[in-house]
Amino acid sequence: MNDPRRHAVCPDRSTVPECIEYHHAERPDAHCFTLRVNGTWVSYTRERFWDYVCRYTTLFASIPSPTLILFVKKLDVHLLAAYIGAMRVGHLPAQISPPTIKMSEPEYKRKIRHVLEITRYGSVFTDESEKQRYADARVAVFTPEDLPDHPKPVTPIRNRDALAQFSSGSTGLQKGVVLSHHAIISHMRNYGGTVRLTPEDAIVSWLPLYHDMGLIACFLMPLMFGIPFYQIDPFDWILQPDLLLTVIDEKKPTICFMPNFAFQVLANKGKYHGLSSIRLWINCSEPARLHTHEAFLKKFPDVKRESLTVCYALAENTFAVSQTLPWESTVARPQPGQGILSCGKPIPGVEVKVFPSDGHEDGEIGVKSSSLFSRFMDCSIPLTADGYYLTGDLGFVDEAGEVFITGRKKDIIIVNGKNIFPQDVEFSVGNVPGVYPGRAVAFGLWDENAGSEDLFVIVERVHGELVTPLKIAIQKAVQGEVGIVPKRVEIVEHMSLVKTSSGKLSRSRNRDLYYAKEFTLL
């Protein structure tokens, strides 16, 4: 199928900032992005944004030698510009989620210590109000208050490595993944061509930049292709999910990336809005469910079925591995006998191979591409002899060459010989009224007497929801989904469960906290 539209361009440059600078030079007055910060929308031209980038380049050039800069800051133009400015003078930016009022101080300090141990970061960029949190780390701390009024001439430094991001796995605080400029630029060209980006496209997102989907697909990709984006503070979206639908209705962006649970939240709670401008809804970062797509289509009748697509992505491959496309297949196909949807065929430049996995029906997914990470922060490069990275994801490739992801190798719970994928349990629990959307974890604990694992589920309730009826409803939902009643269902208040560095709920860490009796159970 020929596409008569003009394609957006990711220029032939050596570094990520140089790709962004190219578009600034071409059209400095063009709309770059619009942010919603503190309840207000603010737009920036490319020229205005690049001025901020150059001033942060000046600031970070004062650091004597290239170092890893840890970004722990709420969304605003300073976060976006400082990130590019740090990269421009050879530093390695890495983001983690900022603290929240409901995160315990000991847990947050533990995370910061862990990140310091694995990265040996030399500086922190944060909000002025958070500066004292990092005094014990004995590193340089920068805030927007340090930004010079004017940029000074600085020679950009072309280091091989561009940035570090934390893997989005669910096995606790992850190793930092280091990506090269070459890997990112290669990925942008391959993925941008796959989804057929044009100069008329615009991306809308509420995803945080410490998540690879938010960082790569919703921030760096539009900057490197010269298309605008609309960004909602993720904490605002959590409180008001309808904000996303409102900006789509009003601003008419064309592409929206979200995890499956967010589609379900909008299907359950969203109000009617005109959403026909979106040509690609991209469901990514957790198993995409047929039930969720059907609910979303039913709630929003002007959404075209073929526009609901699925992407399989991981931080170790920069972002996308595979993608369903409306012009190749009219709908993401469900796995036979289950409600999990196809993730499409591998994008150009990516090879997928399924490796046998002992004791599992499906194999472990291996990925090889020009977009693979350079190394982990501990300098390890865990590849097979033929160059594949074993992802830890279980799945298969069908006869049509499409990738299906069925679970995580390390997270499988085995109860009396029956394999249970925790994401299946969490998905069923997430549909129970009274459970806070996307805030449930399932894990196994060994029972010595039974000689098997028991299934445990911890969920955050909607404030004021009655505990006993909620537990009963969850037990019924889990039994209906996986055929087993959980040994225990525990209810906690919202924001009690702990996330990984990349912003996903950590099954292993929450299991450890539960075992240590550190949760306040209702």
Protein backbone atom coordinates (compact mmCIF):
# COMPACT_ATOMS: atom_id res chain seq x y z
CA MET A 1 0.00 0.00 0.00
CA ASN A 2 1.55 3.27 -1.11
CA ASP A 3 1.42 6.16 1.34
CA PRO A 4 1.17 9.52 -0.48
CA ARG A 5 1.78 11.60 2.65
CA ARG A 6 5.08 13.29 3.37
CA HIS A 7 7.20 11.52 5.94
CA ALA A 8 8.70 13.29 8.95
CA VAL A 9 12.50 13.28 9.00
CA CYS A 10 14.94 12.17 11.66
CA PRO A 11 18.07 13.80 10.21
CA ASP A 12 21.39 12.14 9.50
CA ARG A 13 23.31 13.38 12.52
CA SER A 14 25.73 11.83 15.02
CA THR A 15 23.97 12.63 18.30
CA VAL A 16 20.45 13.00 19.67
CA PRO A 17 20.84 16.75 20.45
CA GLU A 18 22.13 17.38 16.93
CA CYS A 19 18.95 15.81 15.51
CA ILE A 20 16.85 18.13 17.68
CA GLU A 21 18.99 21.15 16.78
CA TYR A 22 18.45 20.43 13.08
CA HIS A 23 14.71 21.03 13.41
CA HIS A 24 15.31 24.18 15.47
CA ALA A 25 17.49 25.56 12.68
CA GLU A 26 14.96 24.60 9.99
CA ARG A 27 11.90 26.22 11.63
CA PRO A 28 12.68 27.99 14.90
CA ASP A 29 9.17 29.51 15.12
CA ALA A 30 7.38 26.14 14.85
CA HIS A 31 5.34 24.71 17.74
CA CYS A 32 7.61 22.40 19.73
CA PHE A 33 5.42 21.21 22.61
CA THR A 34 2.71 22.17 25.07
CA LEU A 35 2.92 21.21 28.76
CA ARG A 36 0.24 21.13 31.42
CA VAL A 37 1.99 22.17 34.62
CA ASN A 38 0.23 23.21 37.84
CA GLY A 39 -3.11 23.19 36.05
CA THR A 40 -2.02 25.51 33.23
CA TRP A 41 -1.17 24.77 29.60
CA VAL A 42 2.00 26.48 28.33
CA SER A 43 3.28 26.23 24.73
CA TYR A 44 6.88 26.54 23.55
CA THR A 45 8.32 27.20 20.12
CA ARG A 46 11.47 25.39 19.03
CA GLU A 47 13.45 28.59 19.43
CA ARG A 48 12.25 29.17 23.00
CA PHE A 49 12.94 25.56 23.98
CA TRP A 50 16.40 25.60 22.37
CA ASP A 51 17.29 28.72 24.31
CA TYR A 52 16.59 26.80 27.53
CA VAL A 53 18.65 23.86 26.21
CA CYS A 54 21.63 26.12 25.47
CA ARG A 55 21.46 27.74 28.90
CA TYR A 56 21.44 24.29 30.55
CA THR A 57 24.31 23.30 28.28
CA THR A 58 26.22 26.22 29.78
CA LEU A 59 25.30 25.14 33.30
CA PHE A 60 26.32 21.50 32.90
CA ALA A 61 29.49 22.38 31.02
CA SER A 62 30.76 23.61 34.40
CA ILE A 63 31.02 19.99 35.59
CA PRO A 64 34.69 19.16 34.96
CA SER A 65 34.29 15.71 33.41
CA PRO A 66 31.43 13.64 31.95
CA THR A 67 29.32 12.02 34.63
CA LEU A 68 25.92 10.45 35.15
CA ILE A 69 23.37 13.07 36.18
CA LEU A 70 20.37 11.74 38.05
CA PHE A 71 17.15 13.57 37.15
CA VAL A 72 14.57 13.47 39.95
CA LYS A 73 12.20 16.27 39.11
CA LYS A 74 8.56 17.05 38.40
CA LEU A 75 7.48 17.92 34.88
CA ASP A 76 8.20 21.38 33.48
CA VAL A 77 10.26 22.94 30.69
CA HIS A 78 13.35 22.86 32.94
CA LEU A 79 13.21 19.07 33.19
CA LEU A 80 12.97 18.67 29.40
CA ALA A 81 15.61 21.25 28.51
CA ALA A 82 18.09 20.23 31.20
CA TYR A 83 17.90 16.62 30.02
CA ILE A 84 18.94 17.57 26.48
CA GLY A 85 21.47 20.13 27.71
CA ALA A 86 23.22 17.55 29.88
CA MET A 87 23.43 15.11 26.98
CA ARG A 88 24.76 17.86 24.72
CA VAL A 89 27.98 18.25 26.73
CA GLY A 90 28.65 14.55 27.11
CA HIS A 91 26.94 13.76 30.42
CA LEU A 92 24.73 10.72 30.85
CA PRO A 93 21.22 11.72 32.03
CA ALA A 94 19.14 9.13 33.90
CA GLN A 95 15.66 9.64 35.33
CA ILE A 96 13.86 8.11 38.28
CA SER A 97 10.48 8.96 39.73
CA PRO A 98 10.38 11.93 42.12
CA PRO A 99 9.18 11.35 45.69
CA THR A 100 5.51 11.71 46.50
CA ILE A 101 3.86 12.80 49.73
CA LYS A 102 2.63 9.24 50.27
CA MET A 103 6.00 7.53 49.70
CA SER A 104 7.73 6.66 52.94
CA GLU A 105 11.01 8.47 53.50
CA PRO A 106 12.92 5.24 54.37
CA GLU A 107 11.71 3.58 51.15
CA TYR A 108 12.69 6.57 49.05
CA LYS A 109 16.13 6.80 50.66
CA ARG A 110 16.63 3.10 50.04
CA LYS A 111 15.89 3.65 46.35
CA ILE A 112 18.31 6.57 46.13
CA ARG A 113 21.05 4.52 47.83
CA HIS A 114 20.46 1.67 45.43
CA VAL A 115 20.67 3.94 42.38
CA LEU A 116 23.87 5.50 43.75
CA GLU A 117 25.38 2.03 44.23
CA ILE A 118 24.66 0.85 40.69
CA THR A 119 25.31 4.08 38.81
CA ARG A 120 27.83 6.07 40.88
CA TYR A 121 26.09 9.21 39.63
CA GLY A 122 28.03 12.42 40.09
CA SER A 123 25.24 15.01 40.10
CA VAL A 124 21.52 15.42 40.70
CA PHE A 125 19.03 17.70 38.97
CA THR A 126 15.92 18.28 41.05
CA ASP A 127 13.43 20.88 42.29
CA GLU A 128 14.71 23.53 44.68
CA SER A 129 12.33 22.28 47.38
CA GLU A 130 13.89 18.79 47.19
CA LYS A 131 17.53 19.85 47.28
CA GLN A 132 18.18 18.82 50.87
CA ARG A 133 17.15 15.22 50.20
CA TYR A 134 20.44 14.59 48.42
CA ALA A 135 22.81 16.24 50.88
CA ASP A 136 23.88 12.86 52.31
CA ALA A 137 24.88 11.55 48.88
CA ARG A 138 27.78 14.03 48.71
CA VAL A 139 27.17 14.87 45.05
CA ALA A 140 26.63 18.16 43.23
CA VAL A 141 22.96 19.17 43.23
CA PHE A 142 21.53 21.44 40.53
CA THR A 143 18.10 23.06 40.34
CA PRO A 144 16.41 25.55 37.96
CA GLU A 145 17.56 28.28 40.33
CA ASP A 146 21.09 27.71 38.99
CA LEU A 147 20.14 28.36 35.36
CA PRO A 148 22.20 31.21 33.84
CA ASP A 149 20.31 34.11 32.26
CA HIS A 150 22.11 33.71 28.95
CA PRO A 151 23.94 30.85 27.23
CA LYS A 152 27.67 30.99 26.61
CA PRO A 153 29.53 29.44 23.68
CA VAL A 154 30.11 25.79 24.50
CA THR A 155 31.57 23.07 22.31
CA PRO A 156 29.25 20.05 22.33
CA ILE A 157 30.91 16.75 23.28
CA ARG A 158 30.17 13.67 21.18
CA ASN A 159 30.35 10.80 23.62
CA ARG A 160 29.37 7.37 22.39
CA ASP A 161 26.74 6.92 25.09
CA ALA A 162 23.68 9.16 25.19
CA LEU A 163 21.61 8.29 28.26
CA ALA A 164 20.74 5.69 30.85
CA GLN A 165 17.26 4.42 31.61
CA PHE A 166 16.01 1.92 34.09
CA SER A 167 14.52 -1.30 32.80
CA SER A 168 10.76 -1.55 33.33
CA GLY A 169 10.83 -5.03 34.79
CA SER A 170 8.90 -6.04 37.89
CA THR A 171 11.80 -7.62 39.76
CA GLY A 172 12.67 -4.74 42.03
CA LEU A 173 15.06 -1.87 41.44
CA GLN A 174 16.63 -2.55 38.08
CA LYS A 175 20.08 -2.13 36.63
CA GLY A 176 20.56 1.02 34.58
CA VAL A 177 20.53 0.40 30.83
CA VAL A 178 23.00 2.55 28.87
CA LEU A 179 21.99 3.54 25.32
CA SER A 180 24.28 4.97 22.66
CA HIS A 181 23.44 7.84 20.32
CA HIS A 182 23.72 5.40 17.42
CA ALA A 183 21.19 2.99 18.97
CA ILE A 184 18.65 5.74 19.64
CA ILE A 185 18.95 7.34 16.18
CA SER A 186 18.78 3.93 14.49
CA HIS A 187 15.68 3.09 16.51
CA MET A 188 14.00 6.39 15.69
CA ARG A 189 14.42 5.90 11.96
CA ASN A 190 13.18 2.32 12.06
CA TYR A 191 10.24 2.96 14.36
CA GLY A 192 9.28 6.34 12.89
CA GLY A 193 9.10 4.71 9.48
CA THR A 194 7.10 1.81 10.88
CA VAL A 195 4.34 4.05 12.28
CA ARG A 196 4.64 6.39 9.26
CA LEU A 197 5.27 9.63 11.10
CA THR A 198 4.45 12.76 9.07
CA PRO A 199 4.95 16.49 9.72
CA GLU A 200 1.20 16.69 10.41
CA ASP A 201 1.40 14.25 13.33
CA ALA A 202 1.35 15.25 16.99
CA ILE A 203 1.77 13.02 20.03
CA VAL A 204 -0.21 13.30 23.28
CA SER A 205 0.94 11.70 26.53
CA TRP A 206 0.64 11.65 30.29
CA LEU A 207 3.48 9.16 30.66
CA PRO A 208 6.41 10.07 32.92
CA LEU A 209 9.85 10.50 31.41
CA TYR A 210 11.31 7.91 33.79
CA HIS A 211 9.37 5.29 31.80
CA ASP A 212 10.90 4.24 28.47
CA MET A 213 7.61 4.77 26.61
CA GLY A 214 7.36 8.30 27.95
CA LEU A 215 11.05 9.10 27.42
CA ILE A 216 11.67 7.58 23.99
CA ALA A 217 8.31 7.52 22.22
CA CYS A 218 6.63 10.62 23.66
CA PHE A 219 9.56 12.99 24.30
CA LEU A 220 12.67 12.22 22.25
CA MET A 221 10.90 10.87 19.17
CA PRO A 222 8.78 13.98 18.46
CA LEU A 223 11.78 16.26 19.13
CA MET A 224 14.01 14.25 16.79
CA PHE A 225 11.36 14.13 14.03
CA GLY A 226 10.31 17.75 14.44
CA ILE A 227 6.67 17.08 15.32
CA PRO A 228 4.87 18.64 18.29
CA PHE A 229 3.69 16.89 21.44
CA TYR A 230 1.27 17.58 24.29
CA GLN A 231 2.38 16.44 27.73
CA ILE A 232 0.24 16.13 30.86
CA ASP A 233 1.87 15.81 34.27
CA PRO A 234 1.41 12.12 35.20
CA PHE A 235 0.27 13.02 38.71
CA ASP A 236 -2.44 15.25 37.22
CA TRP A 237 -3.60 12.41 34.97
CA ILE A 238 -3.88 10.02 37.92
CA LEU A 239 -6.21 12.48 39.64
CA GLN A 240 -8.09 13.43 36.46
CA PRO A 241 -7.83 10.75 33.74
CA ASP A 242 -10.30 12.70 31.62
CA LEU A 243 -7.64 15.38 31.03
CA LEU A 244 -6.18 13.23 28.27
CA LEU A 245 -9.51 12.99 26.45
CA THR A 246 -10.09 16.72 26.80
CA VAL A 247 -6.78 17.66 25.18
CA ILE A 248 -7.38 15.17 22.35
CA ASP A 249 -10.81 16.68 21.73
CA GLU A 250 -9.45 20.25 21.76
CA LYS A 251 -5.95 20.00 20.21
CA LYS A 252 -6.52 17.12 17.75
CA PRO A 253 -3.22 15.18 18.18
CA THR A 254 -2.86 12.03 16.08
CA ILE A 255 -0.90 9.47 18.15
CA CYS A 256 -1.35 8.34 21.75
CA PHE A 257 0.79 5.83 23.67
CA MET A 258 -0.61 4.21 26.86
CA PRO A 259 -0.33 0.98 28.87
CA ASN A 260 -3.32 -1.36 28.84
CA PHE A 261 -4.55 -0.37 32.30
CA ALA A 262 -4.93 3.27 31.17
CA PHE A 263 -7.20 2.22 28.30
CA GLN A 264 -9.28 0.32 30.86
CA VAL A 265 -9.42 3.31 33.23
CA LEU A 266 -10.71 5.53 30.42
CA ALA A 267 -13.20 2.89 29.32
CA ASN A 268 -14.51 2.68 32.88
CA LYS A 269 -14.41 6.33 33.91
CA GLY A 270 -13.84 8.55 30.88
CA LYS A 271 -16.52 10.94 29.64
CA TYR A 272 -17.51 11.14 26.01
CA HIS A 273 -15.15 13.25 23.86
CA GLY A 274 -14.41 13.51 20.18
CA LEU A 275 -11.40 11.26 19.65
CA SER A 276 -11.44 10.76 15.88
CA SER A 277 -8.19 12.72 15.35
CA ILE A 278 -6.12 9.84 16.77
CA ARG A 279 -4.92 7.64 13.91
CA LEU A 280 -2.84 5.38 16.18
CA TRP A 281 -3.65 4.34 19.73
CA ILE A 282 -0.59 2.35 20.83
CA ASN A 283 -1.10 -0.08 23.71
CA CYS A 284 2.30 -0.88 25.20
CA SER A 285 4.35 -1.85 28.31
CA GLU A 286 2.06 -4.62 29.63
CA PRO A 287 0.01 -7.40 27.99
CA ALA A 288 -2.69 -5.87 25.79
CA ARG A 289 -6.13 -7.38 26.40
CA LEU A 290 -8.96 -7.97 23.95
CA HIS A 291 -11.47 -7.22 26.72
CA THR A 292 -9.92 -3.78 27.26
CA HIS A 293 -9.94 -2.90 23.56
CA GLU A 294 -13.57 -3.93 23.25
CA ALA A 295 -14.53 -1.86 26.31
CA PHE A 296 -12.66 1.17 24.94
CA LEU A 297 -14.36 0.87 21.54
CA LYS A 298 -17.76 0.55 23.17
CA LYS A 299 -17.22 3.64 25.34
CA PHE A 300 -15.84 5.79 22.50
CA PRO A 301 -17.71 4.93 19.27
CA ASP A 302 -15.73 7.35 17.05
CA VAL A 303 -12.51 5.41 17.71
CA LYS A 304 -11.75 3.22 14.71
CA ARG A 305 -11.10 -0.41 15.58
CA GLU A 306 -8.06 -0.58 13.32
CA SER A 307 -6.49 2.42 15.09
CA LEU A 308 -6.10 0.37 18.30
CA THR A 309 -2.62 -1.10 17.93
CA VAL A 310 -0.20 -2.98 20.16
CA CYS A 311 3.54 -2.53 20.66
CA TYR A 312 6.03 -4.81 22.43
CA ALA A 313 8.88 -2.73 23.81
CA LEU A 314 11.69 -2.87 26.33
CA ALA A 315 14.26 -0.41 27.59
CA GLU A 316 17.12 -2.72 26.56
CA ASN A 317 16.14 -2.28 22.90
CA THR A 318 15.74 1.52 23.25
CA PHE A 319 11.97 1.03 22.93
CA ALA A 320 9.93 -0.88 20.32
CA VAL A 321 10.55 -4.48 19.31
CA SER A 322 7.34 -5.14 17.38
CA GLN A 323 4.17 -3.26 16.42
CA THR A 324 0.76 -4.05 14.96
CA LEU A 325 -0.21 -1.74 12.10
CA PRO A 326 -3.66 -0.91 10.71
CA TRP A 327 -2.42 -0.94 7.11
CA GLU A 328 -0.99 -4.45 7.47
CA SER A 329 -3.63 -6.10 9.62
CA THR A 330 -7.04 -4.63 10.41
CA VAL A 331 -6.94 -5.51 14.11
CA ALA A 332 -4.52 -6.82 16.71
CA ARG A 333 -5.34 -10.54 16.82
CA PRO A 334 -6.05 -12.33 20.11
CA GLN A 335 -3.99 -15.33 21.15
CA PRO A 336 -6.01 -18.50 20.43
CA GLY A 337 -8.05 -19.39 23.50
CA GLN A 338 -6.94 -16.33 25.48
CA GLY A 339 -7.59 -12.60 25.59
CA ILE A 340 -3.99 -11.50 25.02
CA LEU A 341 -3.45 -9.59 21.77
CA SER A 342 -0.70 -9.93 19.21
CA CYS A 343 2.19 -7.46 19.44
CA GLY A 344 2.67 -7.50 15.67
CA LYS A 345 5.73 -8.23 13.58
CA PRO A 346 9.24 -7.06 14.53
CA ILE A 347 10.04 -3.57 13.28
CA PRO A 348 12.85 -3.17 10.69
CA GLY A 349 16.31 -3.81 12.12
CA VAL A 350 15.01 -6.09 14.90
CA GLU A 351 15.25 -9.90 15.02
CA VAL A 352 13.19 -11.95 17.48
CA LYS A 353 14.07 -15.52 18.42
CA VAL A 354 12.28 -17.82 20.88
CA PHE A 355 14.57 -19.78 23.18
CA PRO A 356 13.26 -22.95 24.90
CA SER A 357 12.49 -22.38 28.57
CA ASP A 358 12.58 -25.35 30.94
CA GLY A 359 9.22 -26.16 32.46
CA HIS A 360 7.32 -23.61 30.38
CA GLU A 361 5.10 -24.16 27.36
CA ASP A 362 6.25 -20.93 25.75
CA GLY A 363 9.87 -19.94 25.17
CA GLU A 364 11.87 -16.95 26.32
CA ILE A 365 11.93 -14.05 23.87
CA GLY A 366 15.39 -13.07 22.59
CA VAL A 367 16.02 -9.79 20.75
CA LYS A 368 18.89 -8.72 18.49
CA SER A 369 19.02 -5.32 16.80
CA SER A 370 20.98 -2.18 16.02
CA SER A 371 19.08 -0.50 18.88
CA LEU A 372 20.23 -2.78 21.69
CA PHE A 373 21.73 -1.22 24.81
CA SER A 374 25.47 -0.70 25.08
CA ARG A 375 25.77 -2.19 28.57
CA PHE A 376 24.25 -2.21 32.01
CA MET A 377 25.60 0.30 34.48
CA ASP A 378 27.62 -2.45 36.12
CA CYS A 379 29.36 -2.82 32.72
CA SER A 380 27.87 -6.25 32.04
CA ILE A 381 26.59 -7.07 28.52
CA PRO A 382 24.49 -10.25 28.92
CA LEU A 383 24.05 -11.46 25.35
CA THR A 384 23.94 -14.98 23.90
CA ALA A 385 26.79 -16.23 21.74
CA ASP A 386 24.89 -15.16 18.62
CA GLY A 387 24.11 -11.68 19.94
CA TYR A 388 20.58 -11.98 21.37
CA TYR A 389 19.46 -10.35 24.58
CA LEU A 390 17.22 -12.69 26.60
CA THR A 391 14.36 -10.50 27.77
CA GLY A 392 12.86 -12.64 30.53
CA ASP A 393 9.53 -12.42 28.69
CA LEU A 394 7.77 -15.63 27.69
CA GLY A 395 5.96 -15.92 24.41
CA PHE A 396 5.96 -17.25 20.87
CA VAL A 397 6.02 -16.15 17.24
CA ASP A 398 3.11 -17.48 15.18
CA GLU A 399 3.00 -18.61 11.55
CA ALA A 400 2.39 -15.05 10.37
CA GLY A 401 5.55 -13.85 12.12
CA GLU A 402 3.67 -11.95 14.84
CA VAL A 403 4.98 -11.81 18.41
CA PHE A 404 2.77 -12.87 21.33
CA ILE A 405 3.88 -12.20 24.92
CA THR A 406 2.30 -14.54 27.48
CA GLY A 407 4.14 -13.73 30.71
CA ARG A 408 7.37 -13.18 32.59
CA LYS A 409 9.79 -16.06 33.16
CA LYS A 410 10.84 -14.98 36.67
CA ASP A 411 7.39 -13.90 37.85
CA ILE A 412 5.47 -17.11 37.20
CA ILE A 413 3.71 -18.44 40.31
CA ILE A 414 3.41 -22.23 40.49
CA VAL A 415 0.56 -23.39 42.74
CA ASN A 416 0.31 -27.17 43.02
CA GLY A 417 1.91 -27.60 39.62
CA LYS A 418 -0.26 -24.99 37.90
CA ASN A 419 1.54 -22.07 36.25
CA ILE A 420 -0.07 -18.70 37.03
CA PHE A 421 1.02 -15.49 35.38
CA PRO A 422 0.71 -12.67 37.94
CA GLN A 423 -0.34 -10.19 35.26
CA ASP A 424 -3.44 -12.35 34.59
CA VAL A 425 -4.35 -12.12 38.27
CA GLU A 426 -3.62 -8.39 38.40
CA PHE A 427 -5.71 -7.76 35.30
CA SER A 428 -8.74 -9.56 36.72
CA VAL A 429 -8.36 -7.74 40.04
CA GLY A 430 -8.09 -4.40 38.27
CA ASN A 431 -11.61 -4.81 36.91
CA VAL A 432 -13.16 -5.24 40.37
CA PRO A 433 -15.07 -2.11 41.45
CA GLY A 434 -13.40 -0.53 44.45
CA VAL A 435 -9.84 -1.48 43.43
CA TYR A 436 -7.69 1.50 42.47
CA PRO A 437 -6.90 1.04 38.74
CA GLY A 438 -3.44 -0.37 38.02
CA ARG A 439 -2.58 -0.74 41.71
CA ALA A 440 -2.50 -4.47 42.42
CA VAL A 441 0.32 -7.00 42.74
CA ALA A 442 0.22 -10.78 42.77
CA PHE A 443 3.07 -13.00 43.90
CA GLY A 444 3.82 -16.42 45.32
CA LEU A 445 5.08 -17.36 48.78
CA TRP A 446 6.42 -20.83 49.47
CA ASP A 447 4.39 -23.02 51.83
CA GLU A 448 6.70 -25.63 53.33
CA ASN A 449 3.83 -27.82 54.51
CA ALA A 450 2.12 -27.85 51.13
CA GLY A 451 5.36 -28.15 49.18
CA SER A 452 4.13 -25.49 46.79
CA GLU A 453 3.65 -21.76 46.45
CA ASP A 454 0.54 -19.98 47.61
CA LEU A 455 -0.97 -17.11 45.67
CA PHE A 456 -1.08 -13.75 47.47
CA VAL A 457 -2.70 -10.57 46.19
CA ILE A 458 -2.28 -7.04 47.55
CA VAL A 459 -4.50 -4.27 46.21
CA GLU A 460 -4.99 -0.60 46.89
CA ARG A 461 -8.61 0.30 47.51
CA VAL A 462 -10.54 3.32 46.39
CA HIS A 463 -10.83 5.49 49.49
CA GLY A 464 -13.73 4.46 51.72
CA GLU A 465 -14.42 1.13 50.00
CA LEU A 466 -15.53 -1.57 52.48
CA VAL A 467 -12.78 -4.13 53.02
CA THR A 468 -14.63 -7.43 53.49
CA PRO A 469 -16.93 -7.18 50.44
CA LEU A 470 -13.96 -6.04 48.37
CA LYS A 471 -11.90 -9.09 49.41
CA ILE A 472 -14.76 -11.43 48.49
CA ALA A 473 -15.18 -9.79 45.08
CA ILE A 474 -11.43 -10.07 44.40
CA GLN A 475 -11.36 -13.75 45.36
CA LYS A 476 -14.21 -14.48 42.95
CA ALA A 477 -12.56 -12.53 40.14
CA VAL A 478 -9.21 -14.31 40.54
CA GLN A 479 -10.84 -17.72 40.73
CA GLY A 480 -12.75 -16.97 37.56
CA GLU A 481 -9.57 -15.89 35.75
CA VAL A 482 -6.98 -18.50 36.83
CA GLY A 483 -9.06 -21.21 38.55
CA ILE A 484 -7.47 -20.74 41.97
CA VAL A 485 -8.62 -18.81 45.03
CA PRO A 486 -5.78 -16.70 46.50
CA LYS A 487 -4.41 -17.86 49.83
CA ARG A 488 -4.71 -14.27 51.05
CA VAL A 489 -6.13 -11.05 49.65
CA GLU A 490 -4.78 -7.99 51.45
CA ILE A 491 -6.14 -4.47 51.14
CA VAL A 492 -4.03 -1.33 51.60
CA GLU A 493 -4.64 2.35 51.10
CA HIS A 494 -3.77 4.09 47.83
CA MET A 495 -0.04 4.78 47.19
CA SER A 496 1.06 2.05 49.64
CA LEU A 497 2.53 -0.28 47.01
CA VAL A 498 6.13 0.30 45.95
CA LYS A 499 7.35 0.91 42.40
CA THR A 500 10.56 0.14 40.55
CA SER A 501 12.96 2.87 39.40
CA SER A 502 11.11 2.96 36.07
CA GLY A 503 7.75 3.54 37.69
CA LYS A 504 6.14 0.09 37.61
CA LEU A 505 4.85 -1.79 40.62
CA SER A 506 7.56 -4.11 41.92
CA ARG A 507 6.21 -7.57 42.68
CA SER A 508 9.39 -8.73 44.41
CA ARG A 509 9.81 -5.65 46.57
CA ASN A 510 6.16 -5.60 47.62
CA ARG A 511 6.40 -9.31 48.41
CA ASP A 512 9.42 -8.65 50.62
CA LEU A 513 7.67 -5.78 52.39
CA TYR A 514 4.60 -7.95 52.99
CA TYR A 515 6.72 -10.80 54.35
CA ALA A 516 8.47 -8.33 56.68
CA LYS A 517 5.04 -7.05 57.85
CA GLU A 518 5.80 -3.50 56.79
CA PHE A 519 2.41 -2.79 55.18
CA THR A 520 -0.49 -1.28 57.08
CA LEU A 521 -3.19 -3.81 56.21
CA LEU A 522 -6.86 -2.86 56.38
